[in-house]
Amino acid sequence: MKKEMLNEYDFSRGVRGKYAKRYARGSNVVVLAPDVARTFADSESVNEALRSLIKIARQTKKVSA
């Protein structure tokens, strides 16, 4: 089933990729494996877990050095 664009949508003066470079500079998209994604509710919980891992890795590095 092919859906057609409604007449009230007018993209005739749109510019494809106008903000793509700016978006790419400010974002880093990472795709999680499905089993990992089920563990985390949102990006903040992923960031929190990674920060904890970084902290542990730094402490371990200091102890072993």
PDB file of N, CA and C in Angstrom:
ATOM      1  N   MET A   1       0.851  -1.171   0.000  1.00  0.00           N
ATOM      2  CA  MET A   1       0.000   0.000   0.000  1.00  0.00           C
ATOM      3  C   MET A   1       0.903   1.242   0.000  1.00  0.00           C
ATOM      4  N   LYS A   2       0.753   2.044  -1.032  1.00  0.00           N
ATOM      5  CA  LYS A   2       1.553   3.256  -1.148  1.00  0.00           C
ATOM      6  C   LYS A   2       0.748   4.436  -0.632  1.00  0.00           C
ATOM      7  N   LYS A   3       1.354   5.208   0.291  1.00  0.00           N
ATOM      8  CA  LYS A   3       0.684   6.389   0.819  1.00  0.00           C
ATOM      9  C   LYS A   3       1.254   7.615   0.132  1.00  0.00           C
ATOM     10  N   GLU A   4       0.392   8.521  -0.215  1.00  0.00           N
ATOM     11  CA  GLU A   4       0.856   9.742  -0.865  1.00  0.00           C
ATOM     12  C   GLU A   4       0.850  10.890   0.129  1.00  0.00           C
ATOM     13  N   MET A   5       1.718  11.868  -0.113  1.00  0.00           N
ATOM     14  CA  MET A   5       1.837  13.041   0.743  1.00  0.00           C
ATOM     15  C   MET A   5       0.577  13.895   0.603  1.00  0.00           C
ATOM     16  N   LEU A   6       0.102  14.413   1.709  1.00  0.00           N
ATOM     17  CA  LEU A   6      -1.056  15.290   1.681  1.00  0.00           C
ATOM     18  C   LEU A   6      -0.709  16.617   1.018  1.00  0.00           C
ATOM     19  N   ASN A   7      -1.692  17.259   0.420  1.00  0.00           N
ATOM     20  CA  ASN A   7      -1.467  18.511  -0.294  1.00  0.00           C
ATOM     21  C   ASN A   7      -0.965  19.637   0.614  1.00  0.00           C
ATOM     22  N   GLU A   8      -1.337  19.623   1.894  1.00  0.00           N
ATOM     23  CA  GLU A   8      -0.920  20.715   2.774  1.00  0.00           C
ATOM     24  C   GLU A   8       0.563  20.661   3.151  1.00  0.00           C
ATOM     25  N   TYR A   9       1.236  19.554   2.844  1.00  0.00           N
ATOM     26  CA  TYR A   9       2.671  19.476   3.080  1.00  0.00           C
ATOM     27  C   TYR A   9       3.400  19.988   1.843  1.00  0.00           C
ATOM     28  N   ASP A  10       4.135  21.073   2.016  1.00  0.00           N
ATOM     29  CA  ASP A  10       4.843  21.666   0.882  1.00  0.00           C
ATOM     30  C   ASP A  10       6.337  21.693   1.167  1.00  0.00           C
ATOM     31  N   PHE A  11       7.059  20.816   0.533  1.00  0.00           N
ATOM     32  CA  PHE A  11       8.505  20.745   0.699  1.00  0.00           C
ATOM     33  C   PHE A  11       9.232  21.281  -0.533  1.00  0.00           C
ATOM     34  N   SER A  12       8.538  22.020  -1.371  1.00  0.00           N
ATOM     35  CA  SER A  12       9.127  22.480  -2.629  1.00  0.00           C
ATOM     36  C   SER A  12      10.325  23.393  -2.427  1.00  0.00           C
ATOM     37  N   ARG A  13      10.380  24.107  -1.304  1.00  0.00           N
ATOM     38  CA  ARG A  13      11.521  24.992  -1.046  1.00  0.00           C
ATOM     39  C   ARG A  13      12.443  24.434   0.030  1.00  0.00           C
ATOM     40  N   GLY A  14      12.257  23.174   0.370  1.00  0.00           N
ATOM     41  CA  GLY A  14      13.092  22.535   1.383  1.00  0.00           C
ATOM     42  C   GLY A  14      14.489  22.244   0.851  1.00  0.00           C
ATOM     43  N   VAL A  15      15.432  22.180   1.757  1.00  0.00           N
ATOM     44  CA  VAL A  15      16.815  21.880   1.395  1.00  0.00           C
ATOM     45  C   VAL A  15      17.197  20.583   2.084  1.00  0.00           C
ATOM     46  N   ARG A  16      17.521  19.577   1.302  1.00  0.00           N
ATOM     47  CA  ARG A  16      17.868  18.271   1.856  1.00  0.00           C
ATOM     48  C   ARG A  16      19.197  18.362   2.610  1.00  0.00           C
ATOM     49  N   GLY A  17      19.222  17.869   3.836  1.00  0.00           N
ATOM     50  CA  GLY A  17      20.441  17.837   4.635  1.00  0.00           C
ATOM     51  C   GLY A  17      20.911  19.190   5.139  1.00  0.00           C
ATOM     52  N   LYS A  18      20.027  20.163   5.208  1.00  0.00           N
ATOM     53  CA  LYS A  18      20.406  21.525   5.597  1.00  0.00           C
ATOM     54  C   LYS A  18      21.097  21.557   6.962  1.00  0.00           C
ATOM     55  N   TYR A  19      20.649  20.760   7.889  1.00  0.00           N
ATOM     56  CA  TYR A  19      21.198  20.773   9.246  1.00  0.00           C
ATOM     57  C   TYR A  19      22.029  19.524   9.548  1.00  0.00           C
ATOM     58  N   ALA A  20      22.336  18.718   8.571  1.00  0.00           N
ATOM     59  CA  ALA A  20      23.008  17.439   8.795  1.00  0.00           C
ATOM     60  C   ALA A  20      24.381  17.613   9.438  1.00  0.00           C
ATOM     61  N   LYS A  21      25.192  18.546   8.942  1.00  0.00           N
ATOM     62  CA  LYS A  21      26.534  18.733   9.497  1.00  0.00           C
ATOM     63  C   LYS A  21      26.476  19.203  10.944  1.00  0.00           C
ATOM     64  N   ARG A  22      25.590  20.157  11.228  1.00  0.00           N
ATOM     65  CA  ARG A  22      25.465  20.669  12.590  1.00  0.00           C
ATOM     66  C   ARG A  22      24.999  19.556  13.530  1.00  0.00           C
ATOM     67  N   TYR A  23      24.068  18.742  13.076  1.00  0.00           N
ATOM     68  CA  TYR A  23      23.575  17.641  13.895  1.00  0.00           C
ATOM     69  C   TYR A  23      24.691  16.629  14.157  1.00  0.00           C
ATOM     70  N   ALA A  24      25.455  16.312  13.134  1.00  0.00           N
ATOM     71  CA  ALA A  24      26.515  15.321  13.273  1.00  0.00           C
ATOM     72  C   ALA A  24      27.593  15.769  14.251  1.00  0.00           C
ATOM     73  N   ARG A  25      27.884  17.060  14.308  1.00  0.00           N
ATOM     74  CA  ARG A  25      28.895  17.567  15.242  1.00  0.00           C
ATOM     75  C   ARG A  25      28.463  17.378  16.684  1.00  0.00           C
ATOM     76  N   GLY A  26      27.171  17.518  16.947  1.00  0.00           N
ATOM     77  CA  GLY A  26      26.682  17.491  18.324  1.00  0.00           C
ATOM     78  C   GLY A  26      26.112  16.169  18.765  1.00  0.00           C
ATOM     79  N   SER A  27      26.256  15.141  17.951  1.00  0.00           N
ATOM     80  CA  SER A  27      25.672  13.867  18.353  1.00  0.00           C
ATOM     81  C   SER A  27      26.601  12.718  18.008  1.00  0.00           C
ATOM     82  N   ASN A  28      26.452  11.662  18.741  1.00  0.00           N
ATOM     83  CA  ASN A  28      27.209  10.447  18.508  1.00  0.00           C
ATOM     84  C   ASN A  28      26.229   9.300  18.718  1.00  0.00           C
ATOM     85  N   VAL A  29      25.744   8.766  17.636  1.00  0.00           N
ATOM     86  CA  VAL A  29      24.730   7.720  17.714  1.00  0.00           C
ATOM     87  C   VAL A  29      25.422   6.370  17.807  1.00  0.00           C
ATOM     88  N   VAL A  30      25.020   5.600  18.800  1.00  0.00           N
ATOM     89  CA  VAL A  30      25.558   4.260  18.998  1.00  0.00           C
ATOM     90  C   VAL A  30      24.377   3.299  19.032  1.00  0.00           C
ATOM     91  N   VAL A  31      24.477   2.234  18.270  1.00  0.00           N
ATOM     92  CA  VAL A  31      23.399   1.236  18.243  1.00  0.00           C
ATOM     93  C   VAL A  31      23.767   0.115  19.199  1.00  0.00           C
ATOM     94  N   LEU A  32      22.894  -0.119  20.155  1.00  0.00           N
ATOM     95  CA  LEU A  32      23.127  -1.159  21.154  1.00  0.00           C
ATOM     96  C   LEU A  32      22.568  -2.491  20.668  1.00  0.00           C
ATOM     97  N   ALA A  33      23.210  -3.554  21.059  1.00  0.00           N
ATOM     98  CA  ALA A  33      22.670  -4.882  20.778  1.00  0.00           C
ATOM     99  C   ALA A  33      21.345  -5.021  21.531  1.00  0.00           C
ATOM    100  N   PRO A  34      20.407  -5.769  20.986  1.00  0.00           N
ATOM    101  CA  PRO A  34      19.085  -5.891  21.615  1.00  0.00           C
ATOM    102  C   PRO A  34      19.124  -6.314  23.081  1.00  0.00           C
ATOM    103  N   ASP A  35      20.007  -7.247  23.435  1.00  0.00           N
ATOM    104  CA  ASP A  35      20.069  -7.695  24.831  1.00  0.00           C
ATOM    105  C   ASP A  35      20.578  -6.583  25.738  1.00  0.00           C
ATOM    106  N   VAL A  36      21.495  -5.758  25.257  1.00  0.00           N
ATOM    107  CA  VAL A  36      22.003  -4.637  26.040  1.00  0.00           C
ATOM    108  C   VAL A  36      20.931  -3.555  26.141  1.00  0.00           C
ATOM    109  N   ALA A  37      20.252  -3.277  25.050  1.00  0.00           N
ATOM    110  CA  ALA A  37      19.219  -2.239  25.025  1.00  0.00           C
ATOM    111  C   ALA A  37      18.086  -2.549  26.002  1.00  0.00           C
ATOM    112  N   ARG A  38      17.775  -3.816  26.185  1.00  0.00           N
ATOM    113  CA  ARG A  38      16.703  -4.184  27.129  1.00  0.00           C
ATOM    114  C   ARG A  38      17.084  -3.847  28.566  1.00  0.00           C
ATOM    115  N   THR A  39      18.358  -3.740  28.852  1.00  0.00           N
ATOM    116  CA  THR A  39      18.832  -3.470  30.207  1.00  0.00           C
ATOM    117  C   THR A  39      18.686  -2.004  30.591  1.00  0.00           C
ATOM    118  N   PHE A  40      18.718  -1.111  29.609  1.00  0.00           N
ATOM    119  CA  PHE A  40      18.720   0.322  29.872  1.00  0.00           C
ATOM    120  C   PHE A  40      17.421   0.968  29.415  1.00  0.00           C
ATOM    121  N   ALA A  41      16.872   1.825  30.292  1.00  0.00           N
ATOM    122  CA  ALA A  41      15.601   2.476  29.991  1.00  0.00           C
ATOM    123  C   ALA A  41      15.755   3.627  28.996  1.00  0.00           C
ATOM    124  N   ASP A  42      16.894   4.320  29.064  1.00  0.00           N
ATOM    125  CA  ASP A  42      17.080   5.506  28.216  1.00  0.00           C
ATOM    126  C   ASP A  42      18.559   5.834  28.092  1.00  0.00           C
ATOM    127  N   SER A  43      18.874   6.880  27.340  1.00  0.00           N
ATOM    128  CA  SER A  43      20.276   7.240  27.111  1.00  0.00           C
ATOM    129  C   SER A  43      20.960   7.685  28.401  1.00  0.00           C
ATOM    130  N   GLU A  44      20.227   8.295  29.308  1.00  0.00           N
ATOM    131  CA  GLU A  44      20.836   8.733  30.572  1.00  0.00           C
ATOM    132  C   GLU A  44      21.321   7.537  31.391  1.00  0.00           C
ATOM    133  N   SER A  45      20.562   6.460  31.401  1.00  0.00           N
ATOM    134  CA  SER A  45      20.994   5.277  32.154  1.00  0.00           C
ATOM    135  C   SER A  45      22.215   4.626  31.504  1.00  0.00           C
ATOM    136  N   VAL A  46      22.310   4.677  30.186  1.00  0.00           N
ATOM    137  CA  VAL A  46      23.500   4.166  29.498  1.00  0.00           C
ATOM    138  C   VAL A  46      24.701   5.022  29.874  1.00  0.00           C
ATOM    139  N   ASN A  47      24.540   6.344  29.828  1.00  0.00           N
ATOM    140  CA  ASN A  47      25.631   7.257  30.180  1.00  0.00           C
ATOM    141  C   ASN A  47      26.088   7.052  31.622  1.00  0.00           C
ATOM    142  N   GLU A  48      25.153   6.871  32.519  1.00  0.00           N
ATOM    143  CA  GLU A  48      25.488   6.665  33.934  1.00  0.00           C
ATOM    144  C   GLU A  48      26.303   5.385  34.105  1.00  0.00           C
ATOM    145  N   ALA A  49      25.896   4.322  33.426  1.00  0.00           N
ATOM    146  CA  ALA A  49      26.626   3.058  33.518  1.00  0.00           C
ATOM    147  C   ALA A  49      28.033   3.197  32.938  1.00  0.00           C
ATOM    148  N   LEU A  50      28.147   3.880  31.814  1.00  0.00           N
ATOM    149  CA  LEU A  50      29.471   4.060  31.207  1.00  0.00           C
ATOM    150  C   LEU A  50      30.371   4.935  32.072  1.00  0.00           C
ATOM    151  N   ARG A  51      29.817   5.971  32.699  1.00  0.00           N
ATOM    152  CA  ARG A  51      30.620   6.805  33.605  1.00  0.00           C
ATOM    153  C   ARG A  51      31.121   5.983  34.780  1.00  0.00           C
ATOM    154  N   SER A  52      30.283   5.117  35.304  1.00  0.00           N
ATOM    155  CA  SER A  52      30.703   4.244  36.408  1.00  0.00           C
ATOM    156  C   SER A  52      31.820   3.320  35.954  1.00  0.00           C
ATOM    157  N   LEU A  53      31.699   2.778  34.773  1.00  0.00           N
ATOM    158  CA  LEU A  53      32.727   1.891  34.241  1.00  0.00           C
ATOM    159  C   LEU A  53      34.044   2.635  34.030  1.00  0.00           C
ATOM    160  N   ILE A  54      33.970   3.851  33.530  1.00  0.00           N
ATOM    161  CA  ILE A  54      35.169   4.679  33.351  1.00  0.00           C
ATOM    162  C   ILE A  54      35.845   4.925  34.694  1.00  0.00           C
ATOM    163  N   LYS A  55      35.053   5.246  35.708  1.00  0.00           N
ATOM    164  CA  LYS A  55      35.592   5.508  37.044  1.00  0.00           C
ATOM    165  C   LYS A  55      36.299   4.267  37.599  1.00  0.00           C
ATOM    166  N   ILE A  56      35.676   3.116  37.456  1.00  0.00           N
ATOM    167  CA  ILE A  56      36.273   1.861  37.927  1.00  0.00           C
ATOM    168  C   ILE A  56      37.564   1.576  37.156  1.00  0.00           C
ATOM    169  N   ALA A  57      37.543   1.777  35.849  1.00  0.00           N
ATOM    170  CA  ALA A  57      38.730   1.520  35.036  1.00  0.00           C
ATOM    171  C   ALA A  57      39.877   2.434  35.443  1.00  0.00           C
ATOM    172  N   ARG A  58      39.587   3.696  35.726  1.00  0.00           N
ATOM    173  CA  ARG A  58      40.627   4.625  36.145  1.00  0.00           C
ATOM    174  C   ARG A  58      41.195   4.243  37.501  1.00  0.00           C
ATOM    175  N   GLN A  59      40.330   3.832  38.431  1.00  0.00           N
ATOM    176  CA  GLN A  59      40.794   3.419  39.752  1.00  0.00           C
ATOM    177  C   GLN A  59      41.650   2.157  39.652  1.00  0.00           C
ATOM    178  N   THR A  60      41.247   1.246  38.826  1.00  0.00           N
ATOM    179  CA  THR A  60      42.002   0.009  38.630  1.00  0.00           C
ATOM    180  C   THR A  60      43.350   0.293  38.013  1.00  0.00           C
ATOM    181  N   LYS A  61      43.382   1.207  37.071  1.00  0.00           N
ATOM    182  CA  LYS A  61      44.621   1.586  36.410  1.00  0.00           C
ATOM    183  C   LYS A  61      45.599   2.216  37.413  1.00  0.00           C
ATOM    184  N   LYS A  62      45.090   3.056  38.328  1.00  0.00           N
ATOM    185  CA  LYS A  62      45.933   3.694  39.332  1.00  0.00           C
ATOM    186  C   LYS A  62      46.513   2.660  40.299  1.00  0.00           C
ATOM    187  N   VAL A  63      45.715   1.682  40.679  1.00  0.00           N
ATOM    188  CA  VAL A  63      46.162   0.669  41.632  1.00  0.00           C
ATOM    189  C   VAL A  63      47.232  -0.222  41.016  1.00  0.00           C
ATOM    190  N   SER A  64      47.058  -0.583  39.769  1.00  0.00           N
ATOM    191  CA  SER A  64      48.004  -1.496  39.126  1.00  0.00           C
ATOM    192  C   SER A  64      49.267  -0.797  38.613  1.00  0.00           C
ATOM    193  N   ALA A  65      49.265   0.524  38.536  1.00  0.00           N
ATOM    194  CA  ALA A  65      50.420   1.252  37.997  1.00  0.00           C
ATOM    195  C   ALA A  65      51.534   1.427  38.978  1.00  0.00           C
TER     196      ALA A  65
END
